[in-house]
Protein backbone atom coordinates (compact mmCIF):
# COMPACT_ATOMS: atom_id res chain seq x y z
CA MET A 1 212.56 -107.98 276.69
CA ILE A 2 209.32 -106.90 277.97
CA PHE A 3 209.59 -109.11 280.93
CA ARG A 4 213.10 -107.92 281.83
CA ASN A 5 212.15 -104.24 281.67
CA PHE A 6 209.20 -104.86 283.85
CA ILE A 7 211.31 -106.65 286.49
CA LEU A 8 214.05 -103.82 286.25
CA ALA A 9 211.40 -101.08 286.65
CA THR A 10 209.62 -102.87 289.55
CA ALA A 11 212.86 -103.45 291.46
CA VAL A 12 214.08 -99.95 291.20
CA ALA A 13 210.51 -98.48 292.05
CA ALA A 14 210.40 -100.91 295.00
CA LEU A 15 213.82 -99.72 296.06
CA ALA A 16 212.90 -96.09 295.77
CA SER A 17 209.66 -96.29 297.69
CA SER A 18 211.15 -98.11 300.60
CA CYS A 19 214.26 -96.10 301.21
CA SER A 20 214.81 -93.22 303.42
CA ALA A 21 217.64 -91.50 305.36
CA PHE A 22 220.35 -93.73 303.92
CA ALA A 23 224.05 -93.01 303.97
CA PRO A 24 225.53 -92.63 300.55
CA SER A 25 226.47 -96.09 298.80
CA LEU A 26 230.04 -94.88 297.98
CA GLU A 27 232.15 -91.88 298.45
CA VAL A 28 231.69 -89.55 295.72
CA GLY A 29 234.09 -90.53 292.83
CA ARG A 30 236.68 -92.25 295.15
CA SER A 31 238.38 -95.45 294.07
CA THR A 32 240.20 -98.03 296.19
CA PHE A 33 241.17 -100.00 293.10
CA ARG A 34 243.71 -98.77 290.68
CA ALA A 35 244.62 -100.73 287.41
CA THR A 36 247.91 -99.56 285.94
CA PRO A 37 248.61 -100.14 282.28
CA ALA A 38 252.24 -98.98 281.72
CA VAL A 39 253.92 -101.91 283.26
CA THR A 40 255.28 -105.18 281.92
CA THR A 41 254.64 -107.58 284.68
CA ALA A 42 251.55 -109.84 284.87
CA SER A 43 251.47 -110.15 288.59
CA THR A 44 249.10 -108.69 291.06
CA ALA A 45 250.40 -107.02 294.01
CA ARG A 46 248.29 -106.70 297.24
CA SER A 47 249.19 -104.26 299.95
CA SER A 48 247.26 -102.76 302.98
CA ASP A 49 247.62 -99.60 305.08
CA ALA A 50 245.80 -97.95 307.88
CA SER A 51 242.98 -97.09 305.74
CA GLY A 52 242.17 -100.55 304.75
CA SER A 53 243.28 -102.80 301.76
CA LYS A 54 244.19 -101.66 298.28
CA THR A 55 244.55 -103.78 295.22
CA GLN A 56 246.97 -102.84 292.53
CA LEU A 57 246.43 -104.71 289.18
CA ASN A 58 249.45 -104.83 286.91
CA MET A 59 248.39 -105.36 283.28
CA ALA A 60 250.83 -107.23 281.09
CA ALA A 61 250.56 -105.09 278.06
CA ASN A 62 252.81 -102.00 277.95
CA ILE A 63 250.74 -99.42 276.17
CA ASP A 64 252.96 -96.63 275.13
CA LEU A 65 251.17 -93.37 274.17
CA LYS A 66 254.09 -91.07 274.32
CA GLY A 67 253.89 -88.30 271.89
CA LYS A 68 250.15 -88.69 271.56
CA VAL A 69 247.82 -85.84 272.40
CA ALA A 70 244.35 -86.58 273.70
CA PHE A 71 241.53 -83.93 274.14
CA VAL A 72 239.00 -84.87 276.78
CA ALA A 73 235.69 -83.02 276.58
CA GLY A 74 233.73 -82.56 279.63
CA VAL A 75 236.17 -82.66 282.58
CA ALA A 76 235.20 -80.52 285.51
CA ASP A 77 236.32 -82.40 288.57
CA SER A 78 238.12 -85.75 289.54
CA THR A 79 235.10 -87.83 290.26
CA GLY A 80 233.78 -88.74 286.74
CA TYR A 81 234.59 -91.32 284.04
CA GLY A 82 236.17 -88.48 281.79
CA TRP A 83 238.89 -87.82 284.50
CA ALA A 84 239.59 -91.61 284.91
CA ILE A 85 239.98 -91.91 281.16
CA ALA A 86 242.27 -88.98 281.15
CA ARG A 87 244.33 -90.35 283.92
CA ALA A 88 244.74 -93.76 282.21
CA LEU A 89 245.83 -92.22 279.03
CA ALA A 90 248.32 -90.04 280.95
CA ASP A 91 249.70 -93.11 282.84
CA ALA A 92 250.40 -94.45 279.34
CA GLY A 93 252.38 -91.22 278.43
CA ALA A 94 249.72 -89.20 276.56
CA THR A 95 249.47 -85.52 276.66
CA ILE A 96 246.28 -84.50 278.26
CA ILE A 97 244.20 -81.29 277.35
CA VAL A 98 240.67 -80.96 278.26
CA GLY A 99 237.47 -78.94 277.56
CA THR A 100 235.53 -77.72 280.57
CA TRP A 101 231.93 -76.16 280.70
CA PRO A 102 232.49 -72.38 281.14
CA PRO A 103 230.28 -71.85 284.27
CA VAL A 104 232.51 -74.27 286.23
CA LEU A 105 235.67 -73.35 284.61
CA LYS A 106 237.06 -70.89 287.30
CA ILE A 107 236.29 -73.38 290.10
CA PHE A 108 237.99 -76.36 288.21
CA GLU A 109 241.09 -74.34 287.42
CA MET A 110 241.20 -73.02 291.10
CA GLY A 111 240.90 -76.63 292.19
CA LEU A 112 243.92 -77.51 289.88
CA ARG A 113 246.14 -74.79 291.29
CA LYS A 114 245.26 -75.44 294.88
CA GLY A 115 246.00 -79.11 294.48
CA SER A 116 242.41 -80.17 295.27
CA PHE A 117 242.57 -83.11 292.85
CA ASP A 118 246.14 -84.34 293.69
CA ASP A 119 244.95 -87.46 295.43
CA ASP A 120 243.00 -88.47 292.19
CA SER A 121 245.91 -87.56 290.00
CA THR A 122 248.42 -90.06 291.19
CA LEU A 123 249.96 -92.29 288.25
CA SER A 124 251.44 -95.73 288.58
CA ASP A 125 254.97 -94.31 288.95
CA GLY A 126 253.95 -92.00 291.79
CA SER A 127 254.03 -88.76 289.71
CA LYS A 128 250.81 -86.71 289.07
CA MET A 129 248.77 -86.45 286.06
CA GLU A 130 249.49 -82.97 284.20
CA ILE A 131 246.70 -81.30 282.32
CA ALA A 132 248.62 -79.36 279.69
CA LYS A 133 245.86 -77.09 278.98
CA VAL A 134 242.23 -76.41 279.80
CA TYR A 135 239.95 -74.94 277.15
CA PRO A 136 236.55 -73.37 277.92
CA LEU A 137 234.07 -75.49 275.94
CA ASP A 138 230.20 -75.32 275.69
CA ALA A 139 229.42 -78.28 273.51
CA VAL A 140 225.83 -77.13 272.75
CA PHE A 141 227.14 -74.50 270.49
CA ASP A 142 228.91 -75.25 267.16
CA SER A 143 230.13 -71.80 266.21
CA PRO A 144 229.92 -68.14 267.60
CA GLU A 145 226.71 -67.55 265.30
CA ASP A 146 224.98 -70.10 267.51
CA VAL A 147 225.56 -68.33 270.88
CA PRO A 148 222.42 -66.47 271.97
CA GLU A 149 222.68 -63.16 273.74
CA GLU A 150 221.50 -64.52 277.16
CA ILE A 151 224.69 -66.74 277.17
CA SER A 152 227.16 -64.10 275.56
CA THR A 153 226.18 -61.59 278.25
CA ASN A 154 225.88 -64.01 281.21
CA LYS A 155 228.44 -63.26 283.95
CA ARG A 156 229.34 -66.97 284.10
CA TYR A 157 230.65 -66.63 280.53
CA ALA A 158 232.17 -63.16 281.20
CA GLY A 159 235.65 -62.78 279.66
CA LEU A 160 235.54 -65.96 277.83
CA ASP A 161 235.91 -66.12 274.09
CA GLY A 162 236.25 -69.03 271.77
CA PHE A 163 234.20 -71.59 273.66
CA THR A 164 232.08 -73.11 270.80
CA ILE A 165 233.16 -76.35 269.38
CA SER A 166 234.62 -75.01 266.15
CA GLU A 167 236.46 -72.29 267.94
CA VAL A 168 238.09 -74.83 270.47
CA ALA A 169 239.08 -77.07 267.65
CA LYS A 170 240.93 -74.16 266.03
CA SER A 171 242.52 -73.22 269.26
CA VAL A 172 243.82 -76.79 269.84
CA GLU A 173 245.04 -76.96 266.14
CA ALA A 174 247.07 -73.90 266.76
CA ASP A 175 248.44 -74.99 269.93
CA TYR A 176 249.18 -78.61 269.00
CA GLY A 177 248.78 -79.22 265.29
CA LYS A 178 247.05 -82.58 265.14
CA ILE A 179 245.74 -84.77 268.03
CA ASP A 180 245.20 -88.53 268.35
CA ILE A 181 242.47 -89.10 270.89
CA LEU A 182 239.00 -87.41 271.28
CA VAL A 183 237.11 -88.30 274.30
CA HIS A 184 233.29 -87.11 274.77
CA SER A 185 232.40 -87.21 278.31
CA LEU A 186 229.42 -84.94 278.10
CA ALA A 187 225.80 -85.37 279.07
CA ASN A 188 223.18 -82.91 280.21
CA GLY A 189 219.24 -83.22 280.51
CA PRO A 190 217.66 -80.19 282.08
CA GLU A 191 214.47 -82.38 282.85
CA VAL A 192 216.34 -85.55 283.70
CA THR A 193 214.10 -86.06 286.77
CA LYS A 194 210.88 -85.95 284.66
CA PRO A 195 209.08 -88.96 283.03
CA LEU A 196 209.24 -89.10 279.36
CA LEU A 197 205.47 -88.45 279.33
CA GLU A 198 206.13 -85.14 281.21
CA THR A 199 209.06 -84.03 279.18
CA SER A 200 208.77 -80.93 277.10
CA ARG A 201 209.84 -80.65 273.55
CA LYS A 202 212.44 -78.10 274.79
CA GLY A 203 213.96 -80.40 277.32
CA TYR A 204 214.02 -83.55 275.18
CA LEU A 205 215.81 -81.53 272.37
CA ALA A 206 218.17 -79.94 274.89
CA ALA A 207 218.95 -83.49 276.23
CA SER A 208 219.68 -84.60 272.61
CA SER A 209 221.68 -81.48 271.84
CA ALA A 210 224.06 -81.69 274.74
CA SER A 211 224.40 -85.45 275.26
CA ALA A 212 224.31 -86.84 271.57
CA PHE A 213 224.69 -84.30 268.75
CA SER A 214 227.62 -82.85 270.69
CA ALA A 215 229.62 -85.92 270.00
CA VAL A 216 228.77 -85.56 266.25
CA SER A 217 229.75 -81.99 266.18
CA LEU A 218 233.11 -82.75 268.06
CA LEU A 219 234.06 -85.23 265.46
CA GLN A 220 232.99 -82.98 262.58
CA HIS A 221 235.43 -80.33 263.76
CA PHE A 222 238.20 -82.39 265.37
CA GLY A 223 238.31 -85.17 262.79
CA PRO A 224 240.26 -82.95 260.20
CA ILE A 225 242.88 -82.25 262.94
CA MET A 226 243.26 -85.99 264.11
CA ASN A 227 246.14 -88.24 262.91
CA GLU A 228 245.12 -91.33 260.92
CA GLY A 229 244.69 -94.27 263.09
CA GLY A 230 243.35 -92.10 265.91
CA SER A 231 240.44 -92.71 268.26
CA MET A 232 237.24 -91.18 269.52
CA LEU A 233 235.53 -92.44 272.53
CA SER A 234 232.15 -91.44 274.18
CA LEU A 235 230.23 -92.71 277.35
CA THR A 236 226.70 -94.08 277.24
CA TYR A 237 224.43 -95.85 279.65
CA VAL A 238 222.29 -99.04 279.56
CA ALA A 239 219.09 -96.70 279.70
CA SER A 240 219.59 -96.40 275.93
CA GLU A 241 218.12 -99.91 275.61
CA GLN A 242 216.34 -100.77 278.94
CA VAL A 243 213.91 -98.92 280.97
CA ILE A 244 215.61 -97.07 284.08
CA PRO A 245 212.89 -95.36 285.94
CA GLY A 246 214.27 -91.87 287.12
CA TYR A 247 216.65 -91.41 284.13
CA GLY A 248 214.14 -89.32 282.14
CA GLY A 249 213.82 -86.00 280.35
CA GLY A 250 214.88 -87.59 277.10
CA MET A 251 218.12 -88.67 278.25
CA SER A 252 217.49 -92.39 277.50
CA SER A 253 216.74 -91.29 274.02
CA ALA A 254 219.81 -89.26 273.76
CA LYS A 255 221.98 -92.25 274.81
CA ALA A 256 220.12 -94.46 272.27
CA GLN A 257 221.14 -91.70 269.60
CA LEU A 258 224.71 -91.68 270.86
CA GLU A 259 225.07 -95.50 270.39
CA SER A 260 223.48 -95.39 266.95
CA ASP A 261 225.63 -92.60 266.02
CA THR A 262 228.74 -94.27 267.01
CA ARG A 263 228.18 -96.90 264.52
CA THR A 264 227.39 -94.51 261.72
CA LEU A 265 230.34 -92.28 262.62
CA ALA A 266 232.65 -95.33 262.74
CA TYR A 267 231.80 -96.05 259.08
CA GLU A 268 232.03 -92.38 258.00
CA ALA A 269 235.15 -91.36 260.01
CA GLY A 270 236.90 -94.52 259.30
CA ARG A 271 236.48 -94.06 255.55
CA LYS A 272 237.23 -90.36 255.60
CA TRP A 273 240.11 -90.08 258.11
CA GLY A 274 241.00 -93.44 259.27
CA LEU A 275 239.72 -92.90 262.69
CA ARG A 276 237.87 -95.41 264.98
CA VAL A 277 234.85 -94.47 266.92
CA ASN A 278 233.64 -96.34 269.97
CA THR A 279 231.55 -95.90 273.11
CA ILE A 280 231.61 -97.39 276.62
CA SER A 281 228.42 -98.35 278.38
CA ALA A 282 229.39 -97.71 281.95
CA GLY A 283 227.74 -98.86 285.07
CA PRO A 284 226.70 -96.33 287.79
CA LEU A 285 229.30 -94.32 289.44
CA LYS A 286 228.57 -91.79 292.26
CA SER A 287 230.05 -88.84 290.57
CA ARG A 288 229.08 -85.41 291.43
CA ALA A 289 226.91 -84.89 288.26
CA ALA A 290 225.20 -88.17 288.70
CA SER A 291 224.62 -87.42 292.41
CA ALA A 292 222.60 -84.50 291.37
CA ILE A 293 219.75 -86.39 289.90
CA GLY A 294 216.58 -86.79 291.90
CA LYS A 295 218.23 -85.72 295.27
CA GLU A 296 215.49 -85.38 297.96
CA ALA A 297 216.07 -84.91 301.74
CA GLY A 298 216.02 -88.14 303.68
CA GLN A 299 216.09 -90.37 300.45
CA LYS A 300 218.73 -92.02 298.55
CA THR A 301 219.52 -90.31 295.20
CA PHE A 302 218.90 -91.95 291.80
CA ILE A 303 222.53 -92.88 291.48
CA GLU A 304 222.75 -94.38 294.94
CA LEU A 305 219.84 -96.67 294.07
CA ALA A 306 221.31 -97.58 290.62
CA ILE A 307 224.52 -98.68 292.37
CA ASP A 308 222.77 -100.79 295.09
CA TYR A 309 220.64 -102.43 292.32
CA SER A 310 223.72 -103.03 290.27
CA LYS A 311 225.73 -104.61 292.93
CA THR A 312 222.89 -106.83 294.01
CA ASN A 313 221.88 -108.07 290.54
CA SER A 314 225.17 -108.02 288.50
CA PRO A 315 226.88 -111.31 287.71
CA LEU A 316 230.04 -109.81 289.32
CA ALA A 317 228.77 -108.62 292.67
CA GLN A 318 231.32 -106.06 293.25
CA ASP A 319 231.96 -102.34 293.30
CA LEU A 320 232.66 -100.54 290.04
CA TYR A 321 235.25 -97.63 290.10
CA ASN A 322 236.14 -95.00 287.63
CA ASP A 323 239.49 -96.58 287.07
CA ASP A 324 237.61 -99.86 285.62
CA VAL A 325 236.11 -97.46 283.03
CA GLY A 326 239.36 -95.57 282.58
CA ASN A 327 241.42 -98.64 281.80
CA SER A 328 238.73 -99.90 279.41
CA GLY A 329 238.83 -96.54 277.64
CA LEU A 330 242.73 -96.76 277.61
CA TYR A 331 242.45 -100.04 275.67
CA LEU A 332 239.91 -98.65 273.11
CA CYS A 333 242.18 -95.61 272.61
CA SER A 334 245.36 -97.58 272.29
CA PRO A 335 246.82 -99.52 269.37
CA LEU A 336 245.73 -102.74 270.99
CA ALA A 337 242.16 -101.95 269.61
CA ARG A 338 243.41 -100.91 266.10
CA CYS A 339 240.75 -103.09 264.59
CA VAL A 340 237.93 -102.36 267.19
CA THR A 341 235.44 -99.77 265.86
CA GLY A 342 231.71 -99.01 265.99
CA VAL A 343 231.48 -101.01 269.33
CA THR A 344 229.45 -100.30 272.52
CA LEU A 345 231.61 -101.97 275.36
CA TYR A 346 229.75 -102.58 278.60
CA VAL A 347 231.78 -102.02 281.55
CA ASP A 348 229.09 -102.61 284.26
CA ASN A 349 229.88 -105.93 285.91
CA GLY A 350 227.72 -107.62 283.43
CA LEU A 351 224.36 -106.13 284.47
CA ASN A 352 223.45 -105.52 280.85
CA CYS A 353 223.04 -109.29 280.22
CA MET A 354 220.74 -109.92 283.14
CA GLY A 355 216.96 -110.56 282.32
CA MET A 356 215.76 -110.98 285.90
CA ALA A 357 216.21 -108.99 289.15
CA LEU A 358 217.68 -111.24 291.67
CA ASP A 359 216.36 -109.16 294.52
CA SER A 360 212.74 -108.71 293.18
CA GLU A 361 209.95 -109.91 295.57
CA SER A 362 208.73 -112.43 293.09
CA MET A 363 212.19 -114.30 293.47
CA LYS A 364 211.91 -114.76 297.11
CA GLN A 365 210.82 -118.14 298.31
């Protein structure tokens, strides 16, 4: 373990120190791979157009989520894994409602109205994913009493009521009664660019609150309004168990918390409400949120380095798209996974199982 961590840290540090003025590894959040679940053939159709080749994978299982309601917390654009999971669930027929951070709510809603996300909303039948309702949600607050004055009087929260977790759960219950799927696609570490040795107590606890306890609180408040047999899903990262330089500020600790809580919540929510609780450890994706980590002029961002490292050293040396995580999320939230709970599912081209960096200087002949 120590050897593996050392090799990983050395390789990433070497990449960081040697890179300057690189173009992005991938377009932000774009996918040229679409796996569509709601079909009944097992064939793989290949087609090409002027923009290049595109692969369409048809999965044999027909997952039918018609009549199911999915609440996806943490969607604010079309580039991340939360959006991809929502789209996969919508493709199987689920009704999609989302919770969006208040400071970006107006921008997101404007984008929806203007059709800015239409290209990333296309379902397997050619129709567009419809988001039935967008709720303002700040998941670091459990109830109105938790909201400090500097937030309640902040202009970015002006005119918004009911954005705490308990209030959103009550609003969803009033609108839909019970729901079936709860997705936690939330993470924030205000000091993420700082090494752990330089992280403040405030920054560390903020990362834990926004990235880990928010999942606990969501299930505390949404569990009672979920149908038996329902599913909760969150997103984690391999930094929970391996050293990833550049992913600091207590975020690695928060992801470790999230994975541990997944197992405990699987037991507690399973016995109390008959719910399943799982998490996906996803490989790096160049989403807008991830692109903001460690961005310096003339150098690759943290996420660009992570993508390059992953593609170079993973058993499957291929790009990872948000649809890959979306379809894995669909499986975990579907009846196909009715006996799967308490699991951390790796969707990272196998990088998690590697104990040696193939591109390390010590591996060269």
